[in-house]
């Protein structure tokens, strides 16, 4: 049976508040004067909504800005030497993209909207210029870069799980924690990404992803109806994912 629409909100309808945004400490650095905060606010560009399949940027383009997802979901991916796509992340409302390109001349990955999405864009040259004048801003930028490094370490831990069940359980736990920390339901959500994308990200065949989803449903851990997921037993998912090491890494990151 399909879930009632009133029970869960699709990502495209979610707009993260500034208080839950990963850029909140950059836009409002401690010790900054009101005039300085106004300057920061002035350089933030709130771009027109992106349609599903529309790119924020493509790999190889010059690095000019960092972005924050306001609504929807953005997938980042790299292209291998043989032309295959490798998914590197799914970015939810309040999360950053292109922060991994800081210090590079060109973007190492591409970013594409998985559904109707909106983003904030901060030109990096203008942000860097302001950082030389605003106390605390440089430290916040370094903190964001450190978080990005921790994020990639967590991704490596996700895909290194020994079983397909552990990988998918860890993926669902990651989404649950990230939604919860931004004021959304941690136990009931829609997946904007396809099963093929999930399998690509976790290093699993799409048939395996579907099989494990079905097994989790049959065992009462979750309810899954196409893209709708409801988590019934977080404790059991943690056991499958292999706690406490993984849980600790996820909590530290998200």
Protein backbone atom coordinates (compact mmCIF):
# COMPACT_ATOMS: atom_id res chain seq x y z
CA UNK A 1 0.00 0.00 0.00
CA UNK A 2 1.30 3.43 -0.90
CA UNK A 3 1.97 5.87 1.98
CA UNK A 4 -0.40 8.79 2.41
CA UNK A 5 1.04 11.95 0.92
CA UNK A 6 0.29 13.81 4.15
CA UNK A 7 2.60 11.55 6.14
CA UNK A 8 5.88 12.50 4.52
CA UNK A 9 7.28 15.48 2.63
CA UNK A 10 9.22 15.08 -0.58
CA UNK A 11 12.66 16.63 -0.73
CA UNK A 12 11.67 18.99 -3.52
CA UNK A 13 9.22 20.62 -1.11
CA UNK A 14 11.77 21.06 1.67
CA UNK A 15 13.65 24.30 2.09
CA UNK A 16 16.30 24.24 4.79
CA UNK A 17 16.33 27.17 7.20
CA UNK A 18 19.55 29.17 7.49
CA UNK A 19 19.94 27.93 11.08
CA UNK A 20 20.30 24.37 9.76
CA UNK A 21 22.59 25.26 6.86
CA UNK A 22 26.22 24.13 6.70
CA UNK A 23 27.19 27.68 5.68
CA UNK A 24 25.59 29.33 8.71
CA UNK A 25 28.94 29.93 10.45
CA UNK A 26 30.45 31.32 7.25
CA UNK A 27 27.55 33.68 6.67
CA UNK A 28 27.53 34.63 10.36
CA UNK A 29 31.10 34.29 11.69
CA UNK A 30 31.54 34.94 15.37
CA UNK A 31 32.84 38.42 16.10
CA UNK A 32 31.74 39.87 12.78
CA UNK A 33 30.19 43.33 12.77
CA UNK A 34 26.69 43.82 11.41
CA UNK A 35 28.09 45.63 8.35
CA UNK A 36 30.43 42.72 7.62
CA UNK A 37 27.56 40.25 7.84
CA UNK A 38 25.61 42.42 5.42
CA UNK A 39 28.57 42.24 3.00
CA UNK A 40 28.55 38.46 3.27
CA UNK A 41 24.83 38.28 2.68
CA UNK A 42 25.21 40.52 -0.36
CA UNK A 43 27.54 38.11 -2.17
CA UNK A 44 25.29 35.07 -1.69
CA UNK A 45 23.48 34.32 -4.94
CA UNK A 46 20.21 32.44 -4.66
CA UNK A 47 20.02 30.82 -8.06
CA UNK A 48 16.90 29.97 -10.02
CA UNK A 49 15.53 26.48 -9.27
CA UNK A 50 17.18 23.63 -11.12
CA UNK A 51 15.07 21.09 -12.98
CA UNK A 52 15.70 17.37 -12.61
CA UNK A 53 18.77 16.48 -14.70
CA UNK A 54 20.10 20.04 -14.83
CA UNK A 55 23.73 20.50 -13.84
CA UNK A 56 25.00 22.90 -11.21
CA UNK A 57 28.45 22.45 -12.75
CA UNK A 58 30.47 19.91 -14.70
CA UNK A 59 33.85 18.33 -14.00
CA UNK A 60 36.73 20.29 -15.46
CA UNK A 61 35.04 23.67 -15.23
CA UNK A 62 36.98 26.40 -13.40
CA UNK A 63 36.40 26.46 -9.66
CA UNK A 64 34.65 29.73 -8.94
CA UNK A 65 32.19 29.15 -6.11
CA UNK A 66 30.96 26.93 -3.31
CA UNK A 67 27.29 26.00 -3.10
CA UNK A 68 24.74 25.01 -0.50
CA UNK A 69 21.60 23.01 -1.24
CA UNK A 70 18.46 24.83 -0.09
CA UNK A 71 15.91 22.31 -1.34
CA UNK A 72 15.88 19.11 -3.34
CA UNK A 73 18.83 16.77 -3.77
CA UNK A 74 22.09 17.09 -5.73
CA UNK A 75 24.20 14.16 -6.92
CA UNK A 76 27.93 14.58 -7.44
CA UNK A 77 29.87 12.21 -9.66
CA UNK A 78 33.19 11.73 -11.40
CA UNK A 79 33.87 10.13 -14.77
CA UNK A 80 36.43 7.34 -14.88
CA UNK A 81 39.10 6.97 -17.57
CA UNK A 82 36.90 4.47 -19.44
CA UNK A 83 33.95 6.88 -19.44
CA UNK A 84 31.97 5.29 -16.62
CA UNK A 85 30.14 7.41 -14.05
CA UNK A 86 31.17 7.03 -10.39
CA UNK A 87 28.75 8.57 -7.89
CA UNK A 88 30.63 10.39 -5.14
CA UNK A 89 27.78 11.71 -3.03
CA UNK A 90 24.17 12.76 -2.52
CA UNK A 91 23.71 16.22 -1.04
CA UNK A 92 20.60 17.09 0.96
CA UNK A 93 19.14 20.47 2.02
CA UNK A 94 21.68 22.36 4.13
CA UNK A 95 24.70 20.50 2.74
CA UNK A 96 27.59 21.83 0.67
CA UNK A 97 28.92 21.00 -2.77
CA UNK A 98 32.21 21.99 -4.45
CA UNK A 99 33.91 22.52 -1.08
CA UNK A 100 36.30 19.70 -2.07
CA UNK A 101 37.60 21.90 -4.90
CA UNK A 102 38.97 24.60 -2.59
CA UNK A 103 42.60 25.14 -3.57
CA UNK A 104 42.10 23.65 -7.03
CA UNK A 105 41.85 25.44 -10.34
CA UNK A 106 39.19 23.13 -11.75
CA UNK A 107 36.28 21.12 -10.38
CA UNK A 108 37.07 17.40 -9.97
CA UNK A 109 33.42 16.30 -10.06
CA UNK A 110 30.11 17.22 -11.66
CA UNK A 111 26.90 18.06 -9.78
CA UNK A 112 23.40 17.40 -11.11
CA UNK A 113 19.91 17.85 -9.65
CA UNK A 114 18.03 14.61 -8.97
CA UNK A 115 14.77 16.53 -8.69
CA UNK A 116 13.65 20.16 -8.68
CA UNK A 117 16.26 21.80 -6.44
CA UNK A 118 17.44 25.24 -5.35
CA UNK A 119 20.89 26.29 -4.21
CA UNK A 120 22.84 29.21 -2.79
CA UNK A 121 26.06 30.15 -4.58
CA UNK A 122 28.96 32.02 -2.98
CA UNK A 123 31.67 33.25 -5.40
CA UNK A 124 34.92 32.07 -3.87
CA UNK A 125 37.07 35.03 -4.95
CA UNK A 126 34.72 37.48 -3.21
CA UNK A 127 34.46 35.22 -0.17
CA UNK A 128 38.26 34.96 0.00
CA UNK A 129 38.59 38.75 -0.21
CA UNK A 130 36.14 39.20 2.65
CA UNK A 131 37.97 36.56 4.70
CA UNK A 132 41.02 38.82 4.83
CA UNK A 133 38.94 41.52 6.52
CA UNK A 134 36.41 39.64 8.66
CA UNK A 135 37.63 38.00 11.89
CA UNK A 136 36.81 34.30 12.16
CA UNK A 137 35.84 33.76 8.53
CA UNK A 138 39.09 32.05 7.49
CA UNK A 139 38.79 29.66 10.44
CA UNK A 140 35.26 28.77 9.41
CA UNK A 141 36.38 28.03 5.86
CA UNK A 142 39.11 25.72 7.15
CA UNK A 143 36.54 24.04 9.40
CA UNK A 144 34.35 23.35 6.36
CA UNK A 145 37.31 21.84 4.51
CA UNK A 146 38.09 19.64 7.51
CA UNK A 147 34.48 18.45 7.55
CA UNK A 148 34.75 17.60 3.86
CA UNK A 149 37.83 15.46 4.52
CA UNK A 150 35.95 13.68 7.31
CA UNK A 151 33.04 13.20 4.91
CA UNK A 152 35.21 11.35 2.39
CA UNK A 153 36.68 9.21 5.15
CA UNK A 154 33.14 8.25 6.14
CA UNK A 155 32.31 7.39 2.53
CA UNK A 156 35.29 5.06 2.39
CA UNK A 157 34.06 3.42 5.58
CA UNK A 158 30.59 3.01 4.07
CA UNK A 159 31.77 1.21 0.94
CA UNK A 160 34.25 -0.92 2.89
CA UNK A 161 31.47 -2.74 4.76
CA UNK A 162 31.90 -6.47 4.13
CA UNK A 163 28.31 -7.32 3.21
CA UNK A 164 25.71 -5.70 0.99
CA UNK A 165 23.36 -5.62 3.97
CA UNK A 166 25.88 -3.67 6.05
CA UNK A 167 26.47 -1.16 3.25
CA UNK A 168 22.79 -0.43 2.66
CA UNK A 169 22.05 -0.26 6.40
CA UNK A 170 24.87 2.24 6.84
CA UNK A 171 23.55 4.29 3.92
CA UNK A 172 20.06 4.47 5.46
CA UNK A 173 21.52 5.39 8.85
CA UNK A 174 23.50 8.18 7.21
CA UNK A 175 20.36 9.61 5.60
CA UNK A 176 18.41 9.28 8.84
CA UNK A 177 21.01 11.20 10.85
CA UNK A 178 21.40 13.92 8.22
CA UNK A 179 17.65 14.49 7.91
CA UNK A 180 17.23 14.53 11.68
CA UNK A 181 19.98 17.09 12.26
CA UNK A 182 18.32 19.50 9.85
CA UNK A 183 14.89 19.35 11.43
CA UNK A 184 13.32 16.77 9.09
CA UNK A 185 11.94 13.34 9.94
CA UNK A 186 14.80 10.88 10.64
CA UNK A 187 12.58 7.85 10.10
CA UNK A 188 10.39 8.66 7.10
CA UNK A 189 11.59 10.09 3.80
CA UNK A 190 11.67 9.77 0.03
CA UNK A 191 14.80 8.75 -1.85
CA UNK A 192 15.53 11.09 -4.73
CA UNK A 193 18.30 8.84 -6.02
CA UNK A 194 17.63 5.76 -8.13
CA UNK A 195 18.56 2.27 -7.02
CA UNK A 196 21.14 2.27 -9.79
CA UNK A 197 22.73 5.41 -8.26
CA UNK A 198 22.66 3.86 -4.79
CA UNK A 199 24.34 0.72 -6.11
CA UNK A 200 26.95 2.77 -7.95
CA UNK A 201 27.69 4.75 -4.80
CA UNK A 202 27.92 1.68 -2.55
CA UNK A 203 29.71 -0.58 -5.03
CA UNK A 204 26.74 -2.95 -5.43
CA UNK A 205 24.76 -4.29 -8.38
CA UNK A 206 21.32 -2.73 -8.72
CA UNK A 207 19.77 -6.19 -8.35
CA UNK A 208 21.56 -6.56 -5.02
CA UNK A 209 20.26 -3.18 -3.83
CA UNK A 210 16.68 -4.24 -4.63
CA UNK A 211 17.16 -7.63 -2.96
CA UNK A 212 18.48 -6.10 0.27
CA UNK A 213 15.72 -3.49 0.37
CA UNK A 214 13.19 -6.33 0.04
CA UNK A 215 14.90 -8.34 2.78
CA UNK A 216 14.92 -5.39 5.19
CA UNK A 217 11.21 -4.85 4.44
CA UNK A 218 10.34 -8.52 5.00
CA UNK A 219 12.28 -8.55 8.28
CA UNK A 220 10.39 -5.50 9.57
CA UNK A 221 13.39 -3.15 9.72
CA UNK A 222 11.88 -0.76 7.18
CA UNK A 223 8.90 -0.23 4.92
CA UNK A 224 9.91 0.49 1.35
CA UNK A 225 7.51 1.36 -1.46
CA UNK A 226 9.44 2.47 -4.53
CA UNK A 227 11.21 5.64 -3.36
CA UNK A 228 9.41 5.88 -0.01
CA UNK A 229 11.26 4.57 3.05
CA UNK A 230 10.09 4.34 6.64
CA UNK A 231 12.52 3.05 9.26
CA UNK A 232 10.90 0.94 11.96
CA UNK A 233 13.93 -0.44 13.82
CA UNK A 234 16.96 1.85 14.01
CA UNK A 235 18.64 -0.42 16.55
CA UNK A 236 18.48 -3.39 14.20
CA UNK A 237 19.86 -1.29 11.34
CA UNK A 238 22.76 -0.24 13.57
CA UNK A 239 23.51 -3.88 14.32
CA UNK A 240 23.46 -4.78 10.62
CA UNK A 241 25.70 -1.81 9.76
CA UNK A 242 28.28 -2.90 12.31
CA UNK A 243 28.23 -0.48 15.20
CA UNK A 244 29.79 1.18 17.12
CA UNK A 245 32.66 2.15 14.83
CA UNK A 246 30.47 3.11 11.89
CA UNK A 247 27.88 4.88 14.03
CA UNK A 248 30.59 6.92 15.69
CA UNK A 249 31.97 7.98 12.30
CA UNK A 250 28.53 8.95 11.05
CA UNK A 251 27.69 10.94 14.17
CA UNK A 252 31.01 12.75 14.00
CA UNK A 253 30.35 13.72 10.39
CA UNK A 254 26.61 14.40 10.43
